[in-house]
Amino acid sequence: MSLVDPLGKVLVEIRDDTAVYAISAGRWRGGEPAAGDALGPGHYQAFGVLSMLGHSRLKRAPVQEVRLLAKCYAATFQAATAHAAAVSDAVHARGHRISSTGVVIFGSFDDGDGSTSKDPDTGQPHADIVISVGALTSLIP
């Protein structure tokens, strides 16, 4: 049996959130930026990348905690921090939900970090948050 990856469900929730969309215009990706997201100095635009940091399974129940990293890019550090705050609002303390593909999430929380830095390739500012997701280890039919 393989573990269920809830990243896709959380990515769609972030991307489609009204406040996040107003900042990033739907430019949220899994794993790495898409072509045209990361531009050079003077042309920075808001976008986000969601990636998995890791997971841990409960010993006697089909439940896992998945830790995701949301990198929230923007033109300035202040805008990147506002972008991260919108992402936090989109996922923090969200309760039980089931995706159309059978991914069950019991809850998600902004688990902190809040660090800001510059992308080493483009110099673009980004603010990062860690998201903790409780989910089943298998799909439901």
C-alpha atoms as a PDB file:
ATOM      1  CA  MET A   1       0.000   0.000   0.000  1.00  0.00           C
ATOM      2  CA  SER A   2       1.294   3.458  -0.818  1.00  0.00           C
ATOM      3  CA  LEU A   3       0.629   6.521   1.274  1.00  0.00           C
ATOM      4  CA  VAL A   4      -1.870   9.109   0.099  1.00  0.00           C
ATOM      5  CA  ASP A   5      -0.315  12.482  -0.713  1.00  0.00           C
ATOM      6  CA  PRO A   6      -2.664  15.337   0.323  1.00  0.00           C
ATOM      7  CA  LEU A   7      -0.472  18.001  -1.343  1.00  0.00           C
ATOM      8  CA  GLY A   8      -2.735  18.298  -4.400  1.00  0.00           C
ATOM      9  CA  LYS A   9      -5.870  18.909  -2.342  1.00  0.00           C
ATOM     10  CA  VAL A  10      -4.150  21.539  -0.182  1.00  0.00           C
ATOM     11  CA  LEU A  11      -2.615  23.185  -3.264  1.00  0.00           C
ATOM     12  CA  VAL A  12      -6.043  23.594  -4.880  1.00  0.00           C
ATOM     13  CA  GLU A  13      -7.465  25.043  -1.641  1.00  0.00           C
ATOM     14  CA  ILE A  14      -4.643  27.592  -1.455  1.00  0.00           C
ATOM     15  CA  ARG A  15      -4.771  28.492  -5.149  1.00  0.00           C
ATOM     16  CA  ASP A  16      -8.544  28.938  -5.173  1.00  0.00           C
ATOM     17  CA  ASP A  17      -8.761  30.970  -1.951  1.00  0.00           C
ATOM     18  CA  THR A  18     -10.086  34.446  -2.780  1.00  0.00           C
ATOM     19  CA  ALA A  19      -7.420  36.399  -0.866  1.00  0.00           C
ATOM     20  CA  VAL A  20      -4.550  34.256  -2.181  1.00  0.00           C
ATOM     21  CA  TYR A  21      -5.888  34.468  -5.730  1.00  0.00           C
ATOM     22  CA  ALA A  22      -6.073  38.264  -5.485  1.00  0.00           C
ATOM     23  CA  ILE A  23      -2.333  38.297  -4.737  1.00  0.00           C
ATOM     24  CA  SER A  24      -1.005  35.504  -6.967  1.00  0.00           C
ATOM     25  CA  ALA A  25      -3.606  35.313  -9.778  1.00  0.00           C
ATOM     26  CA  GLY A  26      -3.725  31.523  -9.378  1.00  0.00           C
ATOM     27  CA  ARG A  27       0.030  31.009  -9.864  1.00  0.00           C
ATOM     28  CA  TRP A  28       0.466  28.206  -7.298  1.00  0.00           C
ATOM     29  CA  ARG A  29       2.478  25.122  -8.207  1.00  0.00           C
ATOM     30  CA  GLY A  30       3.446  21.817  -6.674  1.00  0.00           C
ATOM     31  CA  GLY A  31       7.175  21.183  -6.295  1.00  0.00           C
ATOM     32  CA  GLU A  32       8.656  23.917  -8.482  1.00  0.00           C
ATOM     33  CA  PRO A  33       7.675  27.084 -10.333  1.00  0.00           C
ATOM     34  CA  ALA A  34       6.203  26.808 -13.811  1.00  0.00           C
ATOM     35  CA  ALA A  35       7.840  28.483 -16.783  1.00  0.00           C
ATOM     36  CA  GLY A  36       7.175  32.218 -16.589  1.00  0.00           C
ATOM     37  CA  ASP A  37       6.608  32.319 -12.797  1.00  0.00           C
ATOM     38  CA  ALA A  38      10.107  33.226 -11.629  1.00  0.00           C
ATOM     39  CA  LEU A  39      11.239  36.315 -13.496  1.00  0.00           C
ATOM     40  CA  GLY A  40      14.295  38.500 -13.031  1.00  0.00           C
ATOM     41  CA  PRO A  41      14.718  41.724 -11.042  1.00  0.00           C
ATOM     42  CA  GLY A  42      12.305  44.449 -12.053  1.00  0.00           C
ATOM     43  CA  HIS A  43       9.821  41.859 -13.301  1.00  0.00           C
ATOM     44  CA  TYR A  44       8.979  39.965 -10.105  1.00  0.00           C
ATOM     45  CA  GLN A  45       5.430  38.694  -9.763  1.00  0.00           C
ATOM     46  CA  ALA A  46       3.602  36.895  -6.989  1.00  0.00           C
ATOM     47  CA  PHE A  47       3.441  33.106  -7.167  1.00  0.00           C
ATOM     48  CA  GLY A  48       3.722  30.176  -4.790  1.00  0.00           C
ATOM     49  CA  VAL A  49       5.269  26.742  -4.582  1.00  0.00           C
ATOM     50  CA  LEU A  50       4.019  23.991  -2.273  1.00  0.00           C
ATOM     51  CA  SER A  51       6.297  21.035  -1.516  1.00  0.00           C
ATOM     52  CA  MET A  52       6.388  18.153   0.929  1.00  0.00           C
ATOM     53  CA  LEU A  53       8.810  18.282   3.840  1.00  0.00           C
ATOM     54  CA  GLY A  54       7.921  14.825   5.138  1.00  0.00           C
ATOM     55  CA  HIS A  55       5.337  12.767   6.961  1.00  0.00           C
ATOM     56  CA  SER A  56       4.910  10.540   9.980  1.00  0.00           C
ATOM     57  CA  ARG A  57       2.440   7.682  10.384  1.00  0.00           C
ATOM     58  CA  LEU A  58       0.589   6.692  13.502  1.00  0.00           C
ATOM     59  CA  LYS A  59       1.570   3.227  14.626  1.00  0.00           C
ATOM     60  CA  ARG A  60      -1.885   1.605  14.975  1.00  0.00           C
ATOM     61  CA  ALA A  61      -4.197   3.741  12.888  1.00  0.00           C
ATOM     62  CA  PRO A  62      -4.319   4.568   9.160  1.00  0.00           C
ATOM     63  CA  VAL A  63      -3.514   8.223   9.841  1.00  0.00           C
ATOM     64  CA  GLN A  64      -0.535  10.381   8.940  1.00  0.00           C
ATOM     65  CA  GLU A  65       0.748  13.874   9.644  1.00  0.00           C
ATOM     66  CA  VAL A  66       2.130  15.498   6.505  1.00  0.00           C
ATOM     67  CA  ARG A  67       4.292  18.608   6.682  1.00  0.00           C
ATOM     68  CA  LEU A  68       4.207  20.921   3.680  1.00  0.00           C
ATOM     69  CA  LEU A  69       6.305  23.994   2.901  1.00  0.00           C
ATOM     70  CA  ALA A  70       4.571  26.938   1.227  1.00  0.00           C
ATOM     71  CA  LYS A  71       6.988  29.388  -0.413  1.00  0.00           C
ATOM     72  CA  CYS A  72       5.104  32.620  -1.055  1.00  0.00           C
ATOM     73  CA  TYR A  73       6.929  34.793  -3.602  1.00  0.00           C
ATOM     74  CA  ALA A  74       6.227  38.477  -4.281  1.00  0.00           C
ATOM     75  CA  ALA A  75       7.959  41.661  -5.457  1.00  0.00           C
ATOM     76  CA  THR A  76       8.930  42.844  -1.952  1.00  0.00           C
ATOM     77  CA  PHE A  77       9.448  41.277   1.463  1.00  0.00           C
ATOM     78  CA  GLN A  78       6.328  43.057   2.735  1.00  0.00           C
ATOM     79  CA  ALA A  79       4.233  41.711  -0.136  1.00  0.00           C
ATOM     80  CA  ALA A  80       5.672  38.214   0.366  1.00  0.00           C
ATOM     81  CA  THR A  81       4.724  38.368   4.055  1.00  0.00           C
ATOM     82  CA  ALA A  82       1.175  39.446   3.124  1.00  0.00           C
ATOM     83  CA  HIS A  83       1.043  36.585   0.617  1.00  0.00           C
ATOM     84  CA  ALA A  84       2.109  34.116   3.345  1.00  0.00           C
ATOM     85  CA  ALA A  85      -0.521  35.545   5.707  1.00  0.00           C
ATOM     86  CA  ALA A  86      -3.233  34.963   3.091  1.00  0.00           C
ATOM     87  CA  VAL A  87      -2.031  31.373   2.630  1.00  0.00           C
ATOM     88  CA  SER A  88      -2.047  30.889   6.400  1.00  0.00           C
ATOM     89  CA  ASP A  89      -5.645  32.124   6.583  1.00  0.00           C
ATOM     90  CA  ALA A  90      -6.604  29.734   3.754  1.00  0.00           C
ATOM     91  CA  VAL A  91      -5.329  26.602   5.529  1.00  0.00           C
ATOM     92  CA  HIS A  92      -5.180  27.291   9.275  1.00  0.00           C
ATOM     93  CA  ALA A  93      -7.660  25.427  11.483  1.00  0.00           C
ATOM     94  CA  ARG A  94      -9.580  24.010   8.520  1.00  0.00           C
ATOM     95  CA  GLY A  95     -11.527  20.970   9.499  1.00  0.00           C
ATOM     96  CA  HIS A  96     -12.498  17.699   7.906  1.00  0.00           C
ATOM     97  CA  ARG A  97     -12.816  17.527   4.128  1.00  0.00           C
ATOM     98  CA  ILE A  98     -12.695  14.936   1.357  1.00  0.00           C
ATOM     99  CA  SER A  99     -11.445  15.530  -2.168  1.00  0.00           C
ATOM    100  CA  SER A 100     -13.268  14.247  -5.236  1.00  0.00           C
ATOM    101  CA  THR A 101     -10.498  11.630  -5.588  1.00  0.00           C
ATOM    102  CA  GLY A 102     -11.002  10.258  -2.063  1.00  0.00           C
ATOM    103  CA  VAL A 103      -8.244  12.043  -0.132  1.00  0.00           C
ATOM    104  CA  VAL A 104      -9.445  12.515   3.458  1.00  0.00           C
ATOM    105  CA  ILE A 105      -8.005  15.421   5.450  1.00  0.00           C
ATOM    106  CA  PHE A 106      -8.931  15.736   9.119  1.00  0.00           C
ATOM    107  CA  GLY A 107      -7.433  19.168   9.603  1.00  0.00           C
ATOM    108  CA  SER A 108      -4.696  21.559   8.546  1.00  0.00           C
ATOM    109  CA  PHE A 109      -2.777  24.164  10.508  1.00  0.00           C
ATOM    110  CA  ASP A 110      -0.160  26.844   9.916  1.00  0.00           C
ATOM    111  CA  ASP A 111       2.669  25.301  11.908  1.00  0.00           C
ATOM    112  CA  GLY A 112       4.835  28.382  11.885  1.00  0.00           C
ATOM    113  CA  ASP A 113       8.244  29.368  10.594  1.00  0.00           C
ATOM    114  CA  GLY A 114       7.408  32.697   8.980  1.00  0.00           C
ATOM    115  CA  SER A 115      10.931  33.131   7.673  1.00  0.00           C
ATOM    116  CA  THR A 116      11.677  35.423   4.749  1.00  0.00           C
ATOM    117  CA  SER A 117      14.592  35.253   2.355  1.00  0.00           C
ATOM    118  CA  LYS A 118      15.633  35.829  -1.239  1.00  0.00           C
ATOM    119  CA  ASP A 119      15.566  33.162  -3.914  1.00  0.00           C
ATOM    120  CA  PRO A 120      19.188  32.224  -4.657  1.00  0.00           C
ATOM    121  CA  ASP A 121      18.628  32.167  -8.440  1.00  0.00           C
ATOM    122  CA  THR A 122      16.500  35.269  -9.036  1.00  0.00           C
ATOM    123  CA  GLY A 123      16.889  37.281  -5.815  1.00  0.00           C
ATOM    124  CA  GLN A 124      13.101  37.404  -5.501  1.00  0.00           C
ATOM    125  CA  PRO A 125      11.770  37.779  -1.934  1.00  0.00           C
ATOM    126  CA  HIS A 126       9.661  34.980  -0.484  1.00  0.00           C
ATOM    127  CA  ALA A 127       8.069  34.222   2.882  1.00  0.00           C
ATOM    128  CA  ASP A 128       7.723  30.594   3.945  1.00  0.00           C
ATOM    129  CA  ILE A 129       5.246  28.813   6.172  1.00  0.00           C
ATOM    130  CA  VAL A 130       5.047  25.197   7.277  1.00  0.00           C
ATOM    131  CA  ILE A 131       1.623  23.575   7.035  1.00  0.00           C
ATOM    132  CA  SER A 132       0.714  20.524   9.091  1.00  0.00           C
ATOM    133  CA  VAL A 133      -1.969  18.258   7.578  1.00  0.00           C
ATOM    134  CA  GLY A 134      -3.662  15.308   9.288  1.00  0.00           C
ATOM    135  CA  ALA A 135      -4.886  12.804   6.695  1.00  0.00           C
ATOM    136  CA  LEU A 136      -5.757   9.160   6.132  1.00  0.00           C
ATOM    137  CA  THR A 137      -2.981   6.991   4.719  1.00  0.00           C
ATOM    138  CA  SER A 138      -5.288   5.520   2.064  1.00  0.00           C
ATOM    139  CA  LEU A 139      -8.028   6.743  -0.251  1.00  0.00           C
ATOM    140  CA  ILE A 140     -11.679   6.157   0.471  1.00  0.00           C
ATOM    141  CA  PRO A 141     -13.900   4.891  -2.359  1.00  0.00           C
END
